[in-house]
PDB file of N, CA and C in Angstrom:
ATOM      1  N   UNK A   1      63.343  29.197-130.225  1.00  0.00           N
ATOM      2  CA  UNK A   1      64.217  28.703-131.271  1.00  0.00           C
ATOM      3  C   UNK A   1      64.859  27.386-130.825  1.00  0.00           C
ATOM      4  N   UNK A   2      65.189  27.285-129.553  1.00  0.00           N
ATOM      5  CA  UNK A   2      65.819  26.052-129.063  1.00  0.00           C
ATOM      6  C   UNK A   2      64.916  24.842-129.298  1.00  0.00           C
ATOM      7  N   UNK A   3      63.648  24.952-128.983  1.00  0.00           N
ATOM      8  CA  UNK A   3      62.722  23.832-129.194  1.00  0.00           C
ATOM      9  C   UNK A   3      62.561  23.532-130.681  1.00  0.00           C
ATOM     10  N   UNK A   4      62.547  24.586-131.499  1.00  0.00           N
ATOM     11  CA  UNK A   4      62.369  24.399-132.933  1.00  0.00           C
ATOM     12  C   UNK A   4      63.574  23.699-133.555  1.00  0.00           C
ATOM     13  N   UNK A   5      64.743  23.846-132.954  1.00  0.00           N
ATOM     14  CA  UNK A   5      65.946  23.178-133.456  1.00  0.00           C
ATOM     15  C   UNK A   5      65.920  21.671-133.218  1.00  0.00           C
ATOM     16  N   UNK A   6      64.906  21.183-132.554  1.00  0.00           N
ATOM     17  CA  UNK A   6      64.767  19.749-132.299  1.00  0.00           C
ATOM     18  C   UNK A   6      64.056  19.052-133.454  1.00  0.00           C
ATOM     19  N   UNK A   7      64.171  19.582-134.644  1.00  0.00           N
ATOM     20  CA  UNK A   7      63.499  19.022-135.812  1.00  0.00           C
ATOM     21  C   UNK A   7      63.776  17.527-135.940  1.00  0.00           C
ATOM     22  N   UNK A   8      62.810  16.778-136.474  1.00  0.00           N
ATOM     23  CA  UNK A   8      62.961  15.322-136.596  1.00  0.00           C
ATOM     24  C   UNK A   8      63.908  14.930-137.730  1.00  0.00           C
ATOM     25  N   UNK A   9      65.190  14.882-137.429  1.00  0.00           N
ATOM     26  CA  UNK A   9      66.202  14.523-138.416  1.00  0.00           C
ATOM     27  C   UNK A   9      66.211  13.013-138.641  1.00  0.00           C
ATOM     28  N   UNK A  10      66.538  12.611-139.859  1.00  0.00           N
ATOM     29  CA  UNK A  10      66.605  11.185-140.178  1.00  0.00           C
ATOM     30  C   UNK A  10      67.644  10.470-139.320  1.00  0.00           C
ATOM     31  N   UNK A  11      68.789  11.098-139.067  1.00  0.00           N
ATOM     32  CA  UNK A  11      69.852  10.448-138.293  1.00  0.00           C
ATOM     33  C   UNK A  11      69.488  10.276-136.826  1.00  0.00           C
ATOM     34  N   UNK A  12      68.502  11.007-136.352  1.00  0.00           N
ATOM     35  CA  UNK A  12      68.102  10.915-134.946  1.00  0.00           C
ATOM     36  C   UNK A  12      66.951   9.944-134.732  1.00  0.00           C
ATOM     37  N   UNK A  13      66.432   9.381-135.798  1.00  0.00           N
ATOM     38  CA  UNK A  13      65.261   8.522-135.707  1.00  0.00           C
ATOM     39  C   UNK A  13      65.447   7.373-134.723  1.00  0.00           C
ATOM     40  N   UNK A  14      66.627   6.764-134.706  1.00  0.00           N
ATOM     41  CA  UNK A  14      66.863   5.632-133.804  1.00  0.00           C
ATOM     42  C   UNK A  14      66.843   6.053-132.342  1.00  0.00           C
ATOM     43  N   UNK A  15      67.086   7.323-132.068  1.00  0.00           N
ATOM     44  CA  UNK A  15      67.098   7.813-130.690  1.00  0.00           C
ATOM     45  C   UNK A  15      65.752   8.384-130.260  1.00  0.00           C
ATOM     46  N   UNK A  16      65.041   9.003-131.201  1.00  0.00           N
ATOM     47  CA  UNK A  16      63.782   9.671-130.865  1.00  0.00           C
ATOM     48  C   UNK A  16      62.565   8.795-131.083  1.00  0.00           C
ATOM     49  N   UNK A  17      62.697   7.806-131.976  1.00  0.00           N
ATOM     50  CA  UNK A  17      61.547   6.988-132.318  1.00  0.00           C
ATOM     51  C   UNK A  17      60.599   7.679-133.282  1.00  0.00           C
ATOM     52  N   UNK A  18      60.952   8.882-133.722  1.00  0.00           N
ATOM     53  CA  UNK A  18      60.125   9.642-134.655  1.00  0.00           C
ATOM     54  C   UNK A  18      60.739   9.585-136.045  1.00  0.00           C
ATOM     55  N   UNK A  19      59.888   9.410-137.047  1.00  0.00           N
ATOM     56  CA  UNK A  19      60.367   9.351-138.423  1.00  0.00           C
ATOM     57  C   UNK A  19      60.944  10.699-138.841  1.00  0.00           C
ATOM     58  N   UNK A  20      62.101  10.657-139.483  1.00  0.00           N
ATOM     59  CA  UNK A  20      62.722  11.882-139.965  1.00  0.00           C
ATOM     60  C   UNK A  20      61.919  12.502-141.095  1.00  0.00           C
ATOM     61  N   UNK A  21      62.043  13.816-141.231  1.00  0.00           N
ATOM     62  CA  UNK A  21      61.322  14.529-142.286  1.00  0.00           C
ATOM     63  C   UNK A  21      62.248  15.463-143.026  1.00  0.00           C
ATOM     64  N   UNK A  22      62.011  15.595-144.313  1.00  0.00           N
ATOM     65  CA  UNK A  22      62.751  16.538-145.138  1.00  0.00           C
ATOM     66  C   UNK A  22      61.994  17.861-145.144  1.00  0.00           C
ATOM     67  N   UNK A  23      62.706  18.950-144.900  1.00  0.00           N
ATOM     68  CA  UNK A  23      62.110  20.288-144.930  1.00  0.00           C
ATOM     69  C   UNK A  23      62.876  21.103-145.962  1.00  0.00           C
ATOM     70  N   UNK A  24      62.155  21.695-146.883  1.00  0.00           N
ATOM     71  CA  UNK A  24      62.794  22.502-147.926  1.00  0.00           C
ATOM     72  C   UNK A  24      63.518  23.689-147.307  1.00  0.00           C
ATOM     73  N   UNK A  25      64.609  24.081-147.920  1.00  0.00           N
ATOM     74  CA  UNK A  25      65.396  25.215-147.444  1.00  0.00           C
ATOM     75  C   UNK A  25      64.537  26.467-147.326  1.00  0.00           C
ATOM     76  N   UNK A  26      63.683  26.707-148.299  1.00  0.00           N
ATOM     77  CA  UNK A  26      62.821  27.888-148.273  1.00  0.00           C
ATOM     78  C   UNK A  26      61.903  27.886-147.054  1.00  0.00           C
ATOM     79  N   UNK A  27      61.368  26.700-146.711  1.00  0.00           N
ATOM     80  CA  UNK A  27      60.490  26.587-145.544  1.00  0.00           C
ATOM     81  C   UNK A  27      61.263  26.814-144.252  1.00  0.00           C
ATOM     82  N   UNK A  28      62.490  26.322-144.193  1.00  0.00           N
ATOM     83  CA  UNK A  28      63.322  26.528-143.010  1.00  0.00           C
ATOM     84  C   UNK A  28      63.638  28.002-142.819  1.00  0.00           C
ATOM     85  N   UNK A  29      64.018  28.673-143.887  1.00  0.00           N
ATOM     86  CA  UNK A  29      64.339  30.103-143.803  1.00  0.00           C
ATOM     87  C   UNK A  29      63.111  30.905-143.394  1.00  0.00           C
ATOM     88  N   UNK A  30      61.967  30.604-144.010  1.00  0.00           N
ATOM     89  CA  UNK A  30      60.723  31.316-143.669  1.00  0.00           C
ATOM     90  C   UNK A  30      60.351  31.081-142.206  1.00  0.00           C
ATOM     91  N   UNK A  31      60.466  29.835-141.768  1.00  0.00           N
ATOM     92  CA  UNK A  31      60.122  29.500-140.385  1.00  0.00           C
ATOM     93  C   UNK A  31      60.990  30.265-139.395  1.00  0.00           C
ATOM     94  N   UNK A  32      62.292  30.271-139.626  1.00  0.00           N
ATOM     95  CA  UNK A  32      63.189  30.977-138.710  1.00  0.00           C
ATOM     96  C   UNK A  32      62.972  32.480-138.760  1.00  0.00           C
ATOM     97  N   UNK A  33      62.683  33.011-139.932  1.00  0.00           N
ATOM     98  CA  UNK A  33      62.423  34.448-140.031  1.00  0.00           C
ATOM     99  C   UNK A  33      61.193  34.822-139.211  1.00  0.00           C
ATOM    100  N   UNK A  34      60.157  34.008-139.288  1.00  0.00           N
ATOM    101  CA  UNK A  34      58.953  34.263-138.497  1.00  0.00           C
ATOM    102  C   UNK A  34      59.251  34.172-137.006  1.00  0.00           C
ATOM    103  N   UNK A  35      60.093  33.225-136.607  1.00  0.00           N
ATOM    104  CA  UNK A  35      60.455  33.104-135.191  1.00  0.00           C
ATOM    105  C   UNK A  35      61.249  34.313-134.715  1.00  0.00           C
ATOM    106  N   UNK A  36      62.224  34.731-135.497  1.00  0.00           N
ATOM    107  CA  UNK A  36      63.061  35.876-135.130  1.00  0.00           C
ATOM    108  C   UNK A  36      62.235  37.159-135.082  1.00  0.00           C
ATOM    109  N   UNK A  37      61.251  37.256-135.965  1.00  0.00           N
ATOM    110  CA  UNK A  37      60.384  38.434-136.000  1.00  0.00           C
ATOM    111  C   UNK A  37      59.365  38.442-134.862  1.00  0.00           C
ATOM    112  N   UNK A  38      59.275  37.343-134.122  1.00  0.00           N
ATOM    113  CA  UNK A  38      58.348  37.278-132.994  1.00  0.00           C
ATOM    114  C   UNK A  38      56.916  36.993-133.388  1.00  0.00           C
ATOM    115  N   UNK A  39      56.712  36.524-134.599  1.00  0.00           N
ATOM    116  CA  UNK A  39      55.361  36.299-135.111  1.00  0.00           C
ATOM    117  C   UNK A  39      54.599  35.234-134.316  1.00  0.00           C
ATOM    118  N   UNK A  40      55.313  34.328-133.680  1.00  0.00           N
ATOM    119  CA  UNK A  40      54.664  33.213-132.984  1.00  0.00           C
ATOM    120  C   UNK A  40      54.991  33.198-131.489  1.00  0.00           C
ATOM    121  N   UNK A  41      55.285  34.348-130.946  1.00  0.00           N
ATOM    122  CA  UNK A  41      55.626  34.439-129.522  1.00  0.00           C
ATOM    123  C   UNK A  41      54.477  34.018-128.612  1.00  0.00           C
ATOM    124  N   UNK A  42      53.268  34.017-129.129  1.00  0.00           N
ATOM    125  CA  UNK A  42      52.111  33.665-128.313  1.00  0.00           C
ATOM    126  C   UNK A  42      51.909  32.155-128.177  1.00  0.00           C
ATOM    127  N   UNK A  43      52.644  31.374-128.948  1.00  0.00           N
ATOM    128  CA  UNK A  43      52.484  29.920-128.903  1.00  0.00           C
ATOM    129  C   UNK A  43      53.312  29.313-127.770  1.00  0.00           C
ATOM    130  N   UNK A  44      52.811  28.224-127.169  1.00  0.00           N
ATOM    131  CA  UNK A  44      53.584  27.568-126.105  1.00  0.00           C
ATOM    132  C   UNK A  44      54.852  26.927-126.666  1.00  0.00           C
ATOM    133  N   UNK A  45      55.898  26.909-125.867  1.00  0.00           N
ATOM    134  CA  UNK A  45      57.187  26.364-126.315  1.00  0.00           C
ATOM    135  C   UNK A  45      57.076  24.927-126.806  1.00  0.00           C
ATOM    136  N   UNK A  46      56.268  24.123-126.143  1.00  0.00           N
ATOM    137  CA  UNK A  46      56.160  22.711-126.520  1.00  0.00           C
ATOM    138  C   UNK A  46      55.588  22.509-127.916  1.00  0.00           C
ATOM    139  N   UNK A  47      54.897  23.504-128.448  1.00  0.00           N
ATOM    140  CA  UNK A  47      54.346  23.391-129.803  1.00  0.00           C
ATOM    141  C   UNK A  47      55.453  23.330-130.847  1.00  0.00           C
ATOM    142  N   UNK A  48      56.651  23.779-130.504  1.00  0.00           N
ATOM    143  CA  UNK A  48      57.769  23.828-131.443  1.00  0.00           C
ATOM    144  C   UNK A  48      58.629  22.567-131.422  1.00  0.00           C
ATOM    145  N   UNK A  49      58.402  21.691-130.452  1.00  0.00           N
ATOM    146  CA  UNK A  49      59.274  20.538-130.252  1.00  0.00           C
ATOM    147  C   UNK A  49      59.058  19.464-131.316  1.00  0.00           C
ATOM    148  N   UNK A  50      60.139  19.069-131.985  1.00  0.00           N
ATOM    149  CA  UNK A  50      60.157  17.990-132.980  1.00  0.00           C
ATOM    150  C   UNK A  50      59.205  18.241-134.150  1.00  0.00           C
ATOM    151  N   UNK A  51      59.207  19.455-134.631  1.00  0.00           N
ATOM    152  CA  UNK A  51      58.406  19.810-135.803  1.00  0.00           C
ATOM    153  C   UNK A  51      59.338  20.118-136.962  1.00  0.00           C
ATOM    154  N   UNK A  52      58.876  19.880-138.174  1.00  0.00           N
ATOM    155  CA  UNK A  52      59.700  20.115-139.343  1.00  0.00           C
ATOM    156  C   UNK A  52      59.637  21.534-139.858  1.00  0.00           C
ATOM    157  N   UNK A  53      58.470  22.144-139.782  1.00  0.00           N
ATOM    158  CA  UNK A  53      58.309  23.505-140.292  1.00  0.00           C
ATOM    159  C   UNK A  53      57.363  24.274-139.382  1.00  0.00           C
ATOM    160  N   UNK A  54      57.298  25.560-139.587  1.00  0.00           N
ATOM    161  CA  UNK A  54      56.410  26.391-138.779  1.00  0.00           C
ATOM    162  C   UNK A  54      54.955  26.014-139.039  1.00  0.00           C
ATOM    163  N   UNK A  55      54.664  25.498-140.225  1.00  0.00           N
ATOM    164  CA  UNK A  55      53.299  25.065-140.530  1.00  0.00           C
ATOM    165  C   UNK A  55      52.881  23.909-139.620  1.00  0.00           C
ATOM    166  N   UNK A  56      53.793  22.985-139.355  1.00  0.00           N
ATOM    167  CA  UNK A  56      53.506  21.887-138.427  1.00  0.00           C
ATOM    168  C   UNK A  56      53.293  22.411-137.016  1.00  0.00           C
ATOM    169  N   UNK A  57      54.080  23.399-136.636  1.00  0.00           N
ATOM    170  CA  UNK A  57      53.934  24.011-135.317  1.00  0.00           C
ATOM    171  C   UNK A  57      52.537  24.597-135.181  1.00  0.00           C
ATOM    172  N   UNK A  58      52.106  25.324-136.186  1.00  0.00           N
ATOM    173  CA  UNK A  58      50.792  25.964-136.148  1.00  0.00           C
ATOM    174  C   UNK A  58      49.670  24.937-136.123  1.00  0.00           C
ATOM    175  N   UNK A  59      49.818  23.842-136.867  1.00  0.00           N
ATOM    176  CA  UNK A  59      48.812  22.781-136.846  1.00  0.00           C
ATOM    177  C   UNK A  59      48.674  22.195-135.452  1.00  0.00           C
ATOM    178  N   UNK A  60      49.794  21.943-134.800  1.00  0.00           N
ATOM    179  CA  UNK A  60      49.785  21.379-133.452  1.00  0.00           C
ATOM    180  C   UNK A  60      49.194  22.355-132.447  1.00  0.00           C
ATOM    181  N   UNK A  61      49.597  23.603-132.540  1.00  0.00           N
ATOM    182  CA  UNK A  61      49.142  24.609-131.579  1.00  0.00           C
ATOM    183  C   UNK A  61      47.657  24.893-131.718  1.00  0.00           C
ATOM    184  N   UNK A  62      47.126  24.764-132.924  1.00  0.00           N
ATOM    185  CA  UNK A  62      45.714  25.071-133.168  1.00  0.00           C
ATOM    186  C   UNK A  62      44.820  23.847-133.077  1.00  0.00           C
ATOM    187  N   UNK A  63      45.401  22.687-132.782  1.00  0.00           N
ATOM    188  CA  UNK A  63      44.605  21.449-132.707  1.00  0.00           C
ATOM    189  C   UNK A  63      43.870  21.342-131.396  1.00  0.00           C
TER     190      UNK A  63
END
């Protein structure tokens, strides 16, 4: 969850160099529910870093 909280916020763009992204509330709730339920415990922690939604995490982890 700590790595997932590093989402690419617009206000952090000047510090991270990464473009901010808007994530719908529904996607955020679904993503956190899946994390709390342990659905993605098999993924490496770095896959969660600076991602907007769990779908982005899965794309990165499966690439």
